[in-house]
Amino acid sequence: MSEASGFERKDASARHVVLALVGLFLLVAVFFGIVALIVSGISPEEAPPPSQFGAENLRAGPRLEVNPADDQRRAEEAIWARLQGYGWADRNTGRARIPIERAMEIIATQGWPDRDRRKGGP
């Protein structure tokens, strides 16, 4: 104790800081090594065999549509025909499907249907 009591050293010893950093890096390296050993022991050495479920039904090559433009056109025509035609949405509840133009005409002339008024509400 060559220093007078009551005073504090302002600088930390460079030697102690370097030793602490080296020790920290060694500790991190040891932990990485332990984790690597654990992971290598858990993970399988070879890939699992491919699934045989439905293998006989699969063809080689991509599964693409033969003519996507025609498929889209047919789908749009079916949707448009359904939107423009009459039919039952739910026959049991009496809900019918009508063309959009006709529905807009009904709303324009009769107004929006009010549930309370139909059921005899206030």
C-alpha atoms as a PDB file:
ATOM      1  CA  MET A   1       0.000   0.000   0.000  1.00  0.00           C
ATOM      2  CA  SER A   2       2.254   2.695  -1.213  1.00  0.00           C
ATOM      3  CA  GLU A   3      -0.595   5.034  -2.049  1.00  0.00           C
ATOM      4  CA  ALA A   4      -2.155   7.294   0.472  1.00  0.00           C
ATOM      5  CA  SER A   5      -5.507   6.250   1.784  1.00  0.00           C
ATOM      6  CA  GLY A   6      -8.476   8.349   0.769  1.00  0.00           C
ATOM      7  CA  PHE A   7      -7.482   8.566  -2.878  1.00  0.00           C
ATOM      8  CA  GLU A   8      -8.740   6.320  -5.654  1.00  0.00           C
ATOM      9  CA  ARG A   9      -6.811   5.214  -8.714  1.00  0.00           C
ATOM     10  CA  LYS A  10      -8.380   6.762 -11.805  1.00  0.00           C
ATOM     11  CA  ASP A  11      -7.079   4.368 -14.430  1.00  0.00           C
ATOM     12  CA  ALA A  12      -7.681   0.655 -14.551  1.00  0.00           C
ATOM     13  CA  SER A  13      -4.714  -1.559 -15.115  1.00  0.00           C
ATOM     14  CA  ALA A  14      -4.412  -2.366 -18.826  1.00  0.00           C
ATOM     15  CA  ARG A  15      -3.058  -5.778 -17.978  1.00  0.00           C
ATOM     16  CA  HIS A  16      -6.185  -6.702 -16.009  1.00  0.00           C
ATOM     17  CA  VAL A  17      -8.513  -5.457 -18.772  1.00  0.00           C
ATOM     18  CA  VAL A  18      -6.680  -7.484 -21.429  1.00  0.00           C
ATOM     19  CA  LEU A  19      -6.710 -10.603 -19.242  1.00  0.00           C
ATOM     20  CA  ALA A  20     -10.443 -10.186 -18.611  1.00  0.00           C
ATOM     21  CA  LEU A  21     -11.147  -9.865 -22.357  1.00  0.00           C
ATOM     22  CA  VAL A  22      -8.994 -12.895 -23.195  1.00  0.00           C
ATOM     23  CA  GLY A  23     -10.784 -14.888 -20.511  1.00  0.00           C
ATOM     24  CA  LEU A  24     -14.163 -13.796 -21.859  1.00  0.00           C
ATOM     25  CA  PHE A  25     -13.263 -14.821 -25.416  1.00  0.00           C
ATOM     26  CA  LEU A  26     -11.972 -18.189 -24.192  1.00  0.00           C
ATOM     27  CA  LEU A  27     -15.178 -18.752 -22.233  1.00  0.00           C
ATOM     28  CA  VAL A  28     -17.310 -17.940 -25.300  1.00  0.00           C
ATOM     29  CA  ALA A  29     -15.188 -20.279 -27.447  1.00  0.00           C
ATOM     30  CA  VAL A  30     -15.632 -23.098 -24.912  1.00  0.00           C
ATOM     31  CA  PHE A  31     -19.415 -22.591 -24.903  1.00  0.00           C
ATOM     32  CA  PHE A  32     -19.531 -22.596 -28.720  1.00  0.00           C
ATOM     33  CA  GLY A  33     -17.566 -25.843 -28.715  1.00  0.00           C
ATOM     34  CA  ILE A  34     -19.972 -27.429 -26.219  1.00  0.00           C
ATOM     35  CA  VAL A  35     -22.994 -26.361 -28.279  1.00  0.00           C
ATOM     36  CA  ALA A  36     -21.378 -27.696 -31.478  1.00  0.00           C
ATOM     37  CA  LEU A  37     -20.786 -31.072 -29.820  1.00  0.00           C
ATOM     38  CA  ILE A  38     -24.375 -31.236 -28.586  1.00  0.00           C
ATOM     39  CA  VAL A  39     -25.837 -30.280 -31.975  1.00  0.00           C
ATOM     40  CA  SER A  40     -23.651 -32.747 -33.870  1.00  0.00           C
ATOM     41  CA  GLY A  41     -24.732 -35.511 -31.513  1.00  0.00           C
ATOM     42  CA  ILE A  42     -28.432 -34.706 -31.895  1.00  0.00           C
ATOM     43  CA  SER A  43     -28.686 -34.108 -35.643  1.00  0.00           C
ATOM     44  CA  PRO A  44     -28.791 -37.152 -37.923  1.00  0.00           C
ATOM     45  CA  GLU A  45     -25.799 -37.883 -40.108  1.00  0.00           C
ATOM     46  CA  GLU A  46     -27.828 -38.590 -43.245  1.00  0.00           C
ATOM     47  CA  ALA A  47     -31.052 -37.191 -44.639  1.00  0.00           C
ATOM     48  CA  PRO A  48     -34.259 -39.089 -43.877  1.00  0.00           C
ATOM     49  CA  PRO A  49     -35.603 -41.281 -46.680  1.00  0.00           C
ATOM     50  CA  PRO A  50     -38.136 -39.627 -48.996  1.00  0.00           C
ATOM     51  CA  SER A  51     -41.802 -40.182 -48.256  1.00  0.00           C
ATOM     52  CA  GLN A  52     -43.399 -43.034 -50.140  1.00  0.00           C
ATOM     53  CA  PHE A  53     -46.911 -41.623 -49.683  1.00  0.00           C
ATOM     54  CA  GLY A  54     -48.455 -41.292 -53.112  1.00  0.00           C
ATOM     55  CA  ALA A  55     -45.143 -41.763 -54.911  1.00  0.00           C
ATOM     56  CA  GLU A  56     -46.715 -43.872 -57.669  1.00  0.00           C
ATOM     57  CA  ASN A  57     -49.110 -41.042 -58.588  1.00  0.00           C
ATOM     58  CA  LEU A  58     -46.398 -38.434 -59.110  1.00  0.00           C
ATOM     59  CA  ARG A  59     -45.095 -37.641 -62.572  1.00  0.00           C
ATOM     60  CA  ALA A  60     -41.714 -36.177 -63.254  1.00  0.00           C
ATOM     61  CA  GLY A  61     -41.595 -32.502 -64.158  1.00  0.00           C
ATOM     62  CA  PRO A  62     -43.563 -29.467 -63.071  1.00  0.00           C
ATOM     63  CA  ARG A  63     -47.333 -29.692 -62.622  1.00  0.00           C
ATOM     64  CA  LEU A  64     -48.395 -26.819 -64.857  1.00  0.00           C
ATOM     65  CA  GLU A  65     -51.711 -26.090 -66.489  1.00  0.00           C
ATOM     66  CA  VAL A  66     -51.809 -27.021 -70.147  1.00  0.00           C
ATOM     67  CA  ASN A  67     -53.541 -23.797 -71.197  1.00  0.00           C
ATOM     68  CA  PRO A  68     -53.880 -21.344 -68.297  1.00  0.00           C
ATOM     69  CA  ALA A  69     -55.470 -18.590 -70.410  1.00  0.00           C
ATOM     70  CA  ASP A  70     -58.346 -20.882 -71.458  1.00  0.00           C
ATOM     71  CA  ASP A  71     -58.767 -22.126 -67.881  1.00  0.00           C
ATOM     72  CA  GLN A  72     -59.009 -18.560 -66.593  1.00  0.00           C
ATOM     73  CA  ARG A  73     -61.437 -17.573 -69.360  1.00  0.00           C
ATOM     74  CA  ARG A  74     -63.702 -20.553 -68.573  1.00  0.00           C
ATOM     75  CA  ALA A  75     -63.619 -19.771 -64.847  1.00  0.00           C
ATOM     76  CA  GLU A  76     -64.486 -16.112 -65.457  1.00  0.00           C
ATOM     77  CA  GLU A  77     -67.331 -17.081 -67.808  1.00  0.00           C
ATOM     78  CA  ALA A  78     -68.777 -19.432 -65.184  1.00  0.00           C
ATOM     79  CA  ILE A  79     -68.569 -16.742 -62.512  1.00  0.00           C
ATOM     80  CA  TRP A  80     -70.100 -14.118 -64.805  1.00  0.00           C
ATOM     81  CA  ALA A  81     -72.953 -16.470 -65.767  1.00  0.00           C
ATOM     82  CA  ARG A  82     -73.685 -17.101 -62.110  1.00  0.00           C
ATOM     83  CA  LEU A  83     -73.688 -13.365 -61.335  1.00  0.00           C
ATOM     84  CA  GLN A  84     -75.996 -12.611 -64.275  1.00  0.00           C
ATOM     85  CA  GLY A  85     -78.468 -15.457 -63.747  1.00  0.00           C
ATOM     86  CA  TYR A  86     -81.254 -16.426 -61.394  1.00  0.00           C
ATOM     87  CA  GLY A  87     -80.980 -19.313 -58.963  1.00  0.00           C
ATOM     88  CA  TRP A  88     -81.336 -20.429 -55.387  1.00  0.00           C
ATOM     89  CA  ALA A  89     -78.726 -19.312 -52.893  1.00  0.00           C
ATOM     90  CA  ASP A  90     -80.482 -21.370 -50.201  1.00  0.00           C
ATOM     91  CA  ARG A  91     -83.786 -22.991 -51.131  1.00  0.00           C
ATOM     92  CA  ASN A  92     -84.583 -23.951 -47.509  1.00  0.00           C
ATOM     93  CA  THR A  93     -84.536 -20.355 -46.296  1.00  0.00           C
ATOM     94  CA  GLY A  94     -86.050 -18.940 -49.484  1.00  0.00           C
ATOM     95  CA  ARG A  95     -82.971 -16.931 -50.461  1.00  0.00           C
ATOM     96  CA  ALA A  96     -82.634 -16.498 -54.217  1.00  0.00           C
ATOM     97  CA  ARG A  97     -79.817 -15.217 -56.364  1.00  0.00           C
ATOM     98  CA  ILE A  98     -80.708 -12.490 -58.882  1.00  0.00           C
ATOM     99  CA  PRO A  99     -78.629 -10.571 -61.444  1.00  0.00           C
ATOM    100  CA  ILE A 100     -76.698  -7.590 -60.143  1.00  0.00           C
ATOM    101  CA  GLU A 101     -78.444  -5.086 -62.431  1.00  0.00           C
ATOM    102  CA  ARG A 102     -81.871  -6.252 -61.242  1.00  0.00           C
ATOM    103  CA  ALA A 103     -80.781  -6.052 -57.595  1.00  0.00           C
ATOM    104  CA  MET A 104     -79.598  -2.481 -58.128  1.00  0.00           C
ATOM    105  CA  GLU A 105     -82.957  -1.557 -59.706  1.00  0.00           C
ATOM    106  CA  ILE A 106     -84.858  -3.029 -56.742  1.00  0.00           C
ATOM    107  CA  ILE A 107     -82.692  -1.162 -54.239  1.00  0.00           C
ATOM    108  CA  ALA A 108     -83.131   2.082 -56.207  1.00  0.00           C
ATOM    109  CA  THR A 109     -86.933   1.798 -56.283  1.00  0.00           C
ATOM    110  CA  GLN A 110     -87.714   0.183 -52.902  1.00  0.00           C
ATOM    111  CA  GLY A 111     -84.726   1.213 -50.786  1.00  0.00           C
ATOM    112  CA  TRP A 112     -82.589  -0.951 -48.545  1.00  0.00           C
ATOM    113  CA  PRO A 113     -84.596  -3.722 -46.836  1.00  0.00           C
ATOM    114  CA  ASP A 114     -84.996  -3.206 -43.094  1.00  0.00           C
ATOM    115  CA  ARG A 115     -85.103  -6.392 -41.006  1.00  0.00           C
ATOM    116  CA  ASP A 116     -87.078  -4.861 -38.152  1.00  0.00           C
ATOM    117  CA  ARG A 117     -89.801  -3.605 -40.507  1.00  0.00           C
ATOM    118  CA  ARG A 118     -90.142  -7.043 -42.169  1.00  0.00           C
ATOM    119  CA  LYS A 119     -90.442  -8.847 -38.841  1.00  0.00           C
ATOM    120  CA  GLY A 120     -92.958  -6.381 -37.439  1.00  0.00           C
ATOM    121  CA  GLY A 121     -90.483  -4.609 -35.191  1.00  0.00           C
ATOM    122  CA  PRO A 122     -90.856  -1.065 -33.803  1.00  0.00           C
END
